[in-house]
Amino acid sequence: MEKPYEEIKYQDKIIAIILRADYQATGIQFFSPSEFSQQLGFLPHKKNHVIPAHFHKIVHREIALTQEVLFLRKGKVEVNFYTVEKEYITSRIVNAGDVVFLCSGGHGFKILEDAEMIEVKQGPYSGKDGDKVTFEGIENDPGK
């Protein structure tokens, strides 16, 4: 049985955080370091709890790296993790209900069952050539 929460690290740097569908906690839990430009948290609340109406002030932030959060609504997906030097690190299988926070490094996906993912990341997207570097990973390896 996999842990309901996992940090994937390479040389002490967080590459990804995986929050399994069965994760439980009694209080609010944030998984990402406060200096990340994207935050991932779990916020359990009891019936009749009230979160006061609010809005967020305009705060100028500098974003140096796009971070993505994927919510797997349906299916089964293999996520392969890489260094920025395009070296393979490790793989994980994620299932419906799991959340993957892609923090740094590279990543590729092999869809193992029909899947639906919801992606959240910083924008605006500056186009394929301006925003990402594609490379040949292990996703197409028939022996994998």
C-alpha atoms as a PDB file:
ATOM      1  CA  MET A   1       0.000   0.000   0.000  1.00  0.00           C
ATOM      2  CA  GLU A   2       1.424   3.335  -1.031  1.00  0.00           C
ATOM      3  CA  LYS A   3       1.512   6.211   1.443  1.00  0.00           C
ATOM      4  CA  PRO A   4      -1.331   8.718   0.985  1.00  0.00           C
ATOM      5  CA  TYR A   5       1.242  11.525   0.603  1.00  0.00           C
ATOM      6  CA  GLU A   6       4.671  11.348  -1.000  1.00  0.00           C
ATOM      7  CA  GLU A   7       7.442  13.783  -1.831  1.00  0.00           C
ATOM      8  CA  ILE A   8       9.619  12.757  -4.759  1.00  0.00           C
ATOM      9  CA  LYS A   9      13.040  14.312  -4.322  1.00  0.00           C
ATOM     10  CA  TYR A  10      16.251  14.391  -6.297  1.00  0.00           C
ATOM     11  CA  GLN A  11      19.399  15.756  -4.647  1.00  0.00           C
ATOM     12  CA  ASP A  12      17.252  17.229  -1.829  1.00  0.00           C
ATOM     13  CA  LYS A  13      15.085  19.156  -4.299  1.00  0.00           C
ATOM     14  CA  ILE A  14      11.360  18.445  -4.434  1.00  0.00           C
ATOM     15  CA  ILE A  15      10.474  17.201  -7.922  1.00  0.00           C
ATOM     16  CA  ALA A  16       6.839  16.336  -7.194  1.00  0.00           C
ATOM     17  CA  ILE A  17       4.297  15.849  -4.441  1.00  0.00           C
ATOM     18  CA  ILE A  18       1.664  13.148  -4.853  1.00  0.00           C
ATOM     19  CA  LEU A  19      -1.453  13.279  -2.716  1.00  0.00           C
ATOM     20  CA  ARG A  20      -3.389  10.025  -2.918  1.00  0.00           C
ATOM     21  CA  ALA A  21      -7.184   9.977  -3.117  1.00  0.00           C
ATOM     22  CA  ASP A  22      -7.437   8.335   0.307  1.00  0.00           C
ATOM     23  CA  TYR A  23      -5.402  11.022   2.124  1.00  0.00           C
ATOM     24  CA  GLN A  24      -6.987  12.019   5.445  1.00  0.00           C
ATOM     25  CA  ALA A  25      -6.066  14.626   8.065  1.00  0.00           C
ATOM     26  CA  THR A  26      -7.903  16.272  10.908  1.00  0.00           C
ATOM     27  CA  GLY A  27      -6.649  19.775  10.192  1.00  0.00           C
ATOM     28  CA  ILE A  28      -5.460  21.968   7.379  1.00  0.00           C
ATOM     29  CA  GLN A  29      -2.218  20.680   5.892  1.00  0.00           C
ATOM     30  CA  PHE A  30      -0.041  22.380   3.280  1.00  0.00           C
ATOM     31  CA  PHE A  31       2.489  20.209   1.490  1.00  0.00           C
ATOM     32  CA  SER A  32       4.478  22.755  -0.499  1.00  0.00           C
ATOM     33  CA  PRO A  33       7.164  24.994   0.964  1.00  0.00           C
ATOM     34  CA  SER A  34       5.996  28.581   1.430  1.00  0.00           C
ATOM     35  CA  GLU A  35       8.518  29.888  -1.109  1.00  0.00           C
ATOM     36  CA  PHE A  36       6.930  27.900  -3.974  1.00  0.00           C
ATOM     37  CA  SER A  37       4.977  29.971  -6.488  1.00  0.00           C
ATOM     38  CA  GLN A  38       2.174  27.390  -6.338  1.00  0.00           C
ATOM     39  CA  GLN A  39       0.763  25.983  -3.110  1.00  0.00           C
ATOM     40  CA  LEU A  40      -0.887  22.610  -2.491  1.00  0.00           C
ATOM     41  CA  GLY A  41      -2.982  22.123   0.598  1.00  0.00           C
ATOM     42  CA  PHE A  42      -5.636  19.863   2.094  1.00  0.00           C
ATOM     43  CA  LEU A  43      -8.461  21.717   3.841  1.00  0.00           C
ATOM     44  CA  PRO A  44     -10.955  19.496   5.679  1.00  0.00           C
ATOM     45  CA  HIS A  45     -13.987  21.270   7.166  1.00  0.00           C
ATOM     46  CA  LYS A  46     -16.971  20.036   9.159  1.00  0.00           C
ATOM     47  CA  LYS A  47     -20.566  20.676   8.168  1.00  0.00           C
ATOM     48  CA  ASN A  48     -21.723  24.253   8.922  1.00  0.00           C
ATOM     49  CA  HIS A  49     -18.153  25.580   9.068  1.00  0.00           C
ATOM     50  CA  VAL A  50     -17.993  29.032   7.490  1.00  0.00           C
ATOM     51  CA  ILE A  51     -15.117  30.422   5.471  1.00  0.00           C
ATOM     52  CA  PRO A  52     -15.678  34.190   5.488  1.00  0.00           C
ATOM     53  CA  ALA A  53     -16.183  35.928   2.148  1.00  0.00           C
ATOM     54  CA  HIS A  54     -12.902  37.354   0.948  1.00  0.00           C
ATOM     55  CA  PHE A  55     -10.804  38.319  -2.029  1.00  0.00           C
ATOM     56  CA  HIS A  56      -7.085  38.367  -2.597  1.00  0.00           C
ATOM     57  CA  LYS A  57      -5.154  41.607  -2.900  1.00  0.00           C
ATOM     58  CA  ILE A  58      -3.049  42.335  -5.933  1.00  0.00           C
ATOM     59  CA  VAL A  59       0.419  41.207  -4.975  1.00  0.00           C
ATOM     60  CA  HIS A  60       3.166  41.282  -7.565  1.00  0.00           C
ATOM     61  CA  ARG A  61       5.179  38.094  -7.516  1.00  0.00           C
ATOM     62  CA  GLU A  62       8.082  36.937  -9.618  1.00  0.00           C
ATOM     63  CA  ILE A  63       7.508  33.503 -11.159  1.00  0.00           C
ATOM     64  CA  ALA A  64      10.691  31.873 -12.414  1.00  0.00           C
ATOM     65  CA  LEU A  65       9.381  28.332 -12.935  1.00  0.00           C
ATOM     66  CA  THR A  66       5.984  27.048 -14.018  1.00  0.00           C
ATOM     67  CA  GLN A  67       4.603  24.538 -11.533  1.00  0.00           C
ATOM     68  CA  GLU A  68       1.607  22.350 -12.389  1.00  0.00           C
ATOM     69  CA  VAL A  69      -1.034  20.583 -10.338  1.00  0.00           C
ATOM     70  CA  LEU A  70      -2.834  17.671 -11.998  1.00  0.00           C
ATOM     71  CA  PHE A  71      -6.079  16.250 -10.638  1.00  0.00           C
ATOM     72  CA  LEU A  72      -6.717  12.792 -12.069  1.00  0.00           C
ATOM     73  CA  ARG A  73     -10.512  12.540 -12.289  1.00  0.00           C
ATOM     74  CA  LYS A  74     -10.612   9.226 -14.113  1.00  0.00           C
ATOM     75  CA  GLY A  75      -8.240   6.470 -15.190  1.00  0.00           C
ATOM     76  CA  LYS A  76      -4.705   5.374 -14.462  1.00  0.00           C
ATOM     77  CA  VAL A  77      -1.522   7.180 -15.509  1.00  0.00           C
ATOM     78  CA  GLU A  78       2.178   6.466 -15.161  1.00  0.00           C
ATOM     79  CA  VAL A  79       4.117   9.624 -14.334  1.00  0.00           C
ATOM     80  CA  ASN A  80       7.821   9.570 -15.170  1.00  0.00           C
ATOM     81  CA  PHE A  81      10.094  12.074 -13.456  1.00  0.00           C
ATOM     82  CA  TYR A  82      13.305  13.540 -14.907  1.00  0.00           C
ATOM     83  CA  THR A  83      16.047  15.981 -13.996  1.00  0.00           C
ATOM     84  CA  VAL A  84      16.363  19.210 -15.983  1.00  0.00           C
ATOM     85  CA  GLU A  85      19.297  17.435 -17.661  1.00  0.00           C
ATOM     86  CA  LYS A  86      16.680  14.984 -19.072  1.00  0.00           C
ATOM     87  CA  GLU A  87      17.876  12.078 -16.920  1.00  0.00           C
ATOM     88  CA  TYR A  88      15.194   9.638 -15.747  1.00  0.00           C
ATOM     89  CA  ILE A  89      14.697   9.582 -11.946  1.00  0.00           C
ATOM     90  CA  THR A  90      11.686   7.387 -11.118  1.00  0.00           C
ATOM     91  CA  SER A  91       8.048   6.636 -11.983  1.00  0.00           C
ATOM     92  CA  ARG A  92       4.785   6.503 -10.072  1.00  0.00           C
ATOM     93  CA  ILE A  93       1.334   5.221 -10.965  1.00  0.00           C
ATOM     94  CA  VAL A  94      -1.513   7.582 -10.140  1.00  0.00           C
ATOM     95  CA  ASN A  95      -5.180   6.656 -10.083  1.00  0.00           C
ATOM     96  CA  ALA A  96      -8.525   8.447 -10.165  1.00  0.00           C
ATOM     97  CA  GLY A  97      -8.751  10.889  -7.274  1.00  0.00           C
ATOM     98  CA  ASP A  98      -4.987  11.353  -6.900  1.00  0.00           C
ATOM     99  CA  VAL A  99      -3.347  14.775  -7.169  1.00  0.00           C
ATOM    100  CA  VAL A 100       0.155  15.334  -8.570  1.00  0.00           C
ATOM    101  CA  PHE A 101       1.997  18.590  -7.890  1.00  0.00           C
ATOM    102  CA  LEU A 102       4.834  18.905 -10.430  1.00  0.00           C
ATOM    103  CA  CYS A 103       7.288  21.176  -8.643  1.00  0.00           C
ATOM    104  CA  SER A 104      10.518  21.058 -10.650  1.00  0.00           C
ATOM    105  CA  GLY A 105      12.491  18.913 -13.068  1.00  0.00           C
ATOM    106  CA  GLY A 106      10.909  17.178 -16.046  1.00  0.00           C
ATOM    107  CA  HIS A 107       7.958  14.855 -16.403  1.00  0.00           C
ATOM    108  CA  GLY A 108       6.266  12.641 -18.956  1.00  0.00           C
ATOM    109  CA  PHE A 109       3.118  10.564 -18.911  1.00  0.00           C
ATOM    110  CA  LYS A 110       1.958   7.210 -20.195  1.00  0.00           C
ATOM    111  CA  ILE A 111      -1.816   6.783 -20.100  1.00  0.00           C
ATOM    112  CA  LEU A 112      -2.498   3.266 -18.784  1.00  0.00           C
ATOM    113  CA  GLU A 113      -6.318   3.540 -18.776  1.00  0.00           C
ATOM    114  CA  ASP A 114      -8.607   6.114 -20.392  1.00  0.00           C
ATOM    115  CA  ALA A 115      -7.985   9.193 -18.282  1.00  0.00           C
ATOM    116  CA  GLU A 116      -9.319  12.648 -17.523  1.00  0.00           C
ATOM    117  CA  MET A 117      -6.959  15.149 -15.926  1.00  0.00           C
ATOM    118  CA  ILE A 118      -7.534  18.677 -14.750  1.00  0.00           C
ATOM    119  CA  GLU A 119      -4.418  20.849 -14.878  1.00  0.00           C
ATOM    120  CA  VAL A 120      -3.797  24.025 -12.898  1.00  0.00           C
ATOM    121  CA  LYS A 121      -0.668  26.108 -13.483  1.00  0.00           C
ATOM    122  CA  GLN A 122       0.507  29.679 -13.638  1.00  0.00           C
ATOM    123  CA  GLY A 123      -0.325  31.598 -16.757  1.00  0.00           C
ATOM    124  CA  PRO A 124      -0.393  32.982 -19.207  1.00  0.00           C
ATOM    125  CA  TYR A 125       0.990  30.149 -21.328  1.00  0.00           C
ATOM    126  CA  SER A 126       3.633  31.597 -23.611  1.00  0.00           C
ATOM    127  CA  GLY A 127       3.441  28.878 -26.272  1.00  0.00           C
ATOM    128  CA  LYS A 128       5.278  25.612 -26.744  1.00  0.00           C
ATOM    129  CA  ASP A 129       8.565  27.205 -27.815  1.00  0.00           C
ATOM    130  CA  GLY A 130       8.551  29.841 -25.075  1.00  0.00           C
ATOM    131  CA  ASP A 131       7.347  27.793 -22.137  1.00  0.00           C
ATOM    132  CA  LYS A 132       8.648  24.229 -22.332  1.00  0.00           C
ATOM    133  CA  VAL A 133      11.425  21.995 -23.634  1.00  0.00           C
ATOM    134  CA  THR A 134      10.335  18.617 -25.000  1.00  0.00           C
ATOM    135  CA  PHE A 135      12.659  15.615 -25.113  1.00  0.00           C
ATOM    136  CA  GLU A 136      12.573  11.846 -25.662  1.00  0.00           C
ATOM    137  CA  GLY A 137      11.752  10.134 -22.379  1.00  0.00           C
ATOM    138  CA  ILE A 138      10.897   6.548 -21.504  1.00  0.00           C
ATOM    139  CA  GLU A 139       7.179   6.993 -22.231  1.00  0.00           C
ATOM    140  CA  ASN A 140       7.452   5.372 -25.680  1.00  0.00           C
ATOM    141  CA  ASP A 141       9.721   2.525 -24.561  1.00  0.00           C
ATOM    142  CA  PRO A 142       7.742  -0.693 -25.266  1.00  0.00           C
ATOM    143  CA  GLY A 143       9.843  -2.572 -22.693  1.00  0.00           C
ATOM    144  CA  LYS A 144       8.853  -0.183 -19.910  1.00  0.00           C
END
